[in-house]
């Protein structure tokens, strides 16, 4: 949605692997996306294979879960970086203290369970500044990425202008938003 705010014609194609860790399938999916015309790869899997393919095939990519710059020094634009260590330490301390309770955890930029790797100098400075501002506003709770107006993939309405999706809305979201090509597996 952020990309569409800058380029309304941008398209995203989703490929499902139904696995968090399958290096050969991740590499093949990356190659197929590039063959279909993708010039930037994004992933939500646990290996660096898509980044390696992006580097090899000279397209851009975003790393996921860790800074993957070593696998794509020319390809990586940035990466989401998971930082679960402090969370695990705190949870284990609760267990040791006898105060542990099962809870849902919605960590992210605001809790520093998620951070963003440095931006590539291939990203224009103006865009880096806009992204850094958005990250800061999300971290501070002043920007929620799922604030309407947002339409479903089929063009029907989902969130009205100014309406924000709740955690439950996001957990039960069984559709893509406008601008995404793909089908959610059932």
Protein backbone atom coordinates (compact mmCIF):
# COMPACT_ATOMS: atom_id res chain seq x y z
CA UNK A 1 0.00 0.00 0.00
CA UNK A 2 2.91 2.33 0.72
CA UNK A 3 4.39 1.51 -2.68
CA UNK A 4 1.05 2.27 -4.36
CA UNK A 5 0.94 5.66 -2.63
CA UNK A 6 4.05 6.55 -4.63
CA UNK A 7 3.29 4.55 -7.78
CA UNK A 8 -0.42 3.72 -8.23
CA UNK A 9 0.44 1.39 -11.13
CA UNK A 10 2.78 -0.87 -9.15
CA UNK A 11 1.83 -4.54 -9.10
CA UNK A 12 2.76 -7.30 -6.70
CA UNK A 13 2.72 -10.99 -7.56
CA UNK A 14 2.56 -13.43 -4.65
CA UNK A 15 3.98 -16.95 -4.83
CA UNK A 16 3.13 -19.36 -2.02
CA UNK A 17 5.60 -22.08 -1.07
CA UNK A 18 3.66 -23.32 1.96
CA UNK A 19 6.96 -23.64 3.80
CA UNK A 20 9.12 -21.36 5.90
CA UNK A 21 12.30 -23.11 4.83
CA UNK A 22 12.81 -24.62 1.41
CA UNK A 23 15.93 -23.18 -0.25
CA UNK A 24 15.46 -24.81 -3.68
CA UNK A 25 11.79 -23.78 -3.91
CA UNK A 26 12.61 -20.24 -2.73
CA UNK A 27 15.30 -19.89 -5.40
CA UNK A 28 13.00 -21.29 -8.09
CA UNK A 29 10.17 -18.96 -7.06
CA UNK A 30 12.57 -15.99 -7.22
CA UNK A 31 13.72 -17.00 -10.71
CA UNK A 32 10.11 -17.41 -11.87
CA UNK A 33 9.11 -14.00 -10.51
CA UNK A 34 12.02 -12.38 -12.32
CA UNK A 35 11.09 -14.26 -15.52
CA UNK A 36 7.56 -12.84 -15.08
CA UNK A 37 9.01 -9.30 -15.01
CA UNK A 38 9.65 -8.67 -11.31
CA UNK A 39 12.37 -6.08 -10.79
CA UNK A 40 12.26 -6.16 -6.97
CA UNK A 41 11.89 -9.27 -4.81
CA UNK A 42 10.42 -9.44 -1.33
CA UNK A 43 10.04 -12.57 0.74
CA UNK A 44 8.61 -13.96 3.92
CA UNK A 45 10.65 -17.15 4.12
CA UNK A 46 13.70 -18.06 6.16
CA UNK A 47 16.62 -18.40 3.77
CA UNK A 48 18.76 -16.00 1.77
CA UNK A 49 18.02 -17.80 -1.50
CA UNK A 50 15.78 -15.08 -2.97
CA UNK A 51 18.46 -12.49 -2.13
CA UNK A 52 21.15 -14.65 -3.75
CA UNK A 53 19.05 -15.01 -6.90
CA UNK A 54 18.41 -11.24 -6.96
CA UNK A 55 22.15 -10.62 -6.74
CA UNK A 56 22.89 -13.16 -9.46
CA UNK A 57 20.17 -11.88 -11.80
CA UNK A 58 20.84 -8.19 -11.08
CA UNK A 59 17.49 -7.17 -9.62
CA UNK A 60 16.76 -5.54 -6.29
CA UNK A 61 15.45 -7.30 -3.19
CA UNK A 62 14.45 -6.76 0.41
CA UNK A 63 15.80 -9.17 3.00
CA UNK A 64 13.49 -10.72 5.57
CA UNK A 65 14.09 -11.60 9.23
CA UNK A 66 17.75 -10.57 9.03
CA UNK A 67 20.06 -8.20 7.24
CA UNK A 68 21.01 -10.17 4.13
CA UNK A 69 23.47 -7.65 2.70
CA UNK A 70 26.26 -10.26 2.62
CA UNK A 71 24.20 -12.33 0.16
CA UNK A 72 23.14 -9.42 -2.00
CA UNK A 73 25.51 -6.46 -1.65
CA UNK A 74 24.27 -4.97 -4.93
CA UNK A 75 20.71 -6.27 -4.70
CA UNK A 76 19.55 -5.52 -1.16
CA UNK A 77 17.63 -2.28 -0.74
CA UNK A 78 16.96 -2.91 2.97
CA UNK A 79 15.61 -5.70 5.17
CA UNK A 80 13.29 -6.32 8.04
CA UNK A 81 15.32 -7.61 10.98
CA UNK A 82 13.73 -9.73 13.70
CA UNK A 83 15.11 -9.20 17.19
CA UNK A 84 13.49 -11.89 19.32
CA UNK A 85 16.35 -12.15 21.88
CA UNK A 86 15.04 -9.63 24.45
CA UNK A 87 11.52 -11.07 24.17
CA UNK A 88 12.75 -14.62 24.81
CA UNK A 89 14.91 -13.48 27.73
CA UNK A 90 11.93 -11.71 29.28
CA UNK A 91 9.62 -14.68 28.78
CA UNK A 92 12.15 -17.08 30.28
CA UNK A 93 12.64 -14.72 33.22
CA UNK A 94 8.86 -14.78 33.80
CA UNK A 95 9.02 -18.58 33.77
CA UNK A 96 11.88 -18.59 36.28
CA UNK A 97 10.05 -16.06 38.48
CA UNK A 98 6.85 -18.10 38.37
CA UNK A 99 4.97 -15.22 36.72
CA UNK A 100 4.75 -16.65 33.19
CA UNK A 101 1.34 -16.50 31.52
CA UNK A 102 0.40 -17.42 27.98
CA UNK A 103 -0.24 -14.27 25.96
CA UNK A 104 -0.63 -13.11 22.39
CA UNK A 105 2.36 -11.04 21.36
CA UNK A 106 2.15 -8.29 18.79
CA UNK A 107 5.68 -6.96 18.78
CA UNK A 108 7.01 -4.81 16.00
CA UNK A 109 8.84 -1.57 15.37
CA UNK A 110 7.43 0.01 18.54
CA UNK A 111 8.76 -2.78 20.76
CA UNK A 112 12.00 -3.11 18.78
CA UNK A 113 11.20 -6.77 18.07
CA UNK A 114 11.48 -5.59 14.49
CA UNK A 115 13.94 -3.14 13.01
CA UNK A 116 14.91 -2.08 9.53
CA UNK A 117 18.38 -2.65 8.10
CA UNK A 118 20.26 0.33 6.64
CA UNK A 119 18.95 1.61 3.33
CA UNK A 120 20.97 1.05 0.18
CA UNK A 121 22.47 4.16 -1.35
CA UNK A 122 20.66 3.07 -4.52
CA UNK A 123 17.46 4.35 -2.89
CA UNK A 124 17.10 8.08 -3.56
CA UNK A 125 17.76 10.16 -0.44
CA UNK A 126 14.25 11.66 -0.58
CA UNK A 127 12.73 8.16 -0.50
CA UNK A 128 15.05 7.11 2.34
CA UNK A 129 13.91 10.14 4.33
CA UNK A 130 10.23 9.37 3.66
CA UNK A 131 10.72 5.73 4.71
CA UNK A 132 12.64 6.71 7.85
CA UNK A 133 9.85 9.14 8.76
CA UNK A 134 7.19 6.44 8.28
CA UNK A 135 9.22 3.97 10.37
CA UNK A 136 9.56 6.56 13.12
CA UNK A 137 5.82 7.34 13.08
CA UNK A 138 4.94 3.62 13.19
CA UNK A 139 7.39 3.11 16.07
CA UNK A 140 5.75 5.98 17.98
CA UNK A 141 2.22 4.75 17.26
CA UNK A 142 1.40 7.79 15.13
CA UNK A 143 1.01 5.81 11.89
CA UNK A 144 -0.82 2.52 11.42
CA UNK A 145 -0.06 0.95 8.03
CA UNK A 146 -3.57 -0.49 7.78
CA UNK A 147 -5.56 2.75 7.87
CA UNK A 148 -8.15 3.29 5.17
CA UNK A 149 -9.24 3.87 2.65
CA UNK A 150 -8.18 0.35 1.69
CA UNK A 151 -9.85 -1.84 -0.90
CA UNK A 152 -9.77 -5.60 -1.31
CA UNK A 153 -8.01 -7.18 -4.26
CA UNK A 154 -11.32 -7.37 -6.15
CA UNK A 155 -11.88 -3.61 -5.72
CA UNK A 156 -14.57 -3.83 -3.04
CA UNK A 157 -14.19 -1.68 0.03
CA UNK A 158 -12.61 -2.93 3.24
CA UNK A 159 -11.60 0.01 5.44
CA UNK A 160 -13.19 3.43 5.07
CA UNK A 161 -11.07 6.59 5.08
CA UNK A 162 -9.48 6.96 8.51
CA UNK A 163 -10.63 3.52 9.72
CA UNK A 164 -7.84 1.35 11.16
CA UNK A 165 -7.70 -2.43 11.08
CA UNK A 166 -7.66 -4.10 14.48
CA UNK A 167 -5.32 -6.96 15.39
CA UNK A 168 -8.30 -9.31 14.98
CA UNK A 169 -8.98 -7.86 11.51
CA UNK A 170 -5.39 -8.54 10.52
CA UNK A 171 -5.35 -12.05 12.04
CA UNK A 172 -8.49 -13.04 10.17
CA UNK A 173 -7.75 -11.21 6.92
CA UNK A 174 -8.48 -13.83 4.25
CA UNK A 175 -7.90 -11.64 1.20
CA UNK A 176 -5.28 -9.53 -0.52
CA UNK A 177 -5.56 -5.78 -0.94
CA UNK A 178 -5.83 -3.97 -4.24
CA UNK A 179 -2.74 -4.19 -6.44
CA UNK A 180 -1.75 -7.75 -5.53
CA UNK A 181 -1.89 -10.60 -8.01
CA UNK A 182 -2.25 -14.03 -6.52
CA UNK A 183 -4.63 -16.36 -4.76
CA UNK A 184 -4.51 -17.25 -1.08
CA UNK A 185 -4.26 -21.05 -0.78
CA UNK A 186 -7.20 -22.70 0.96
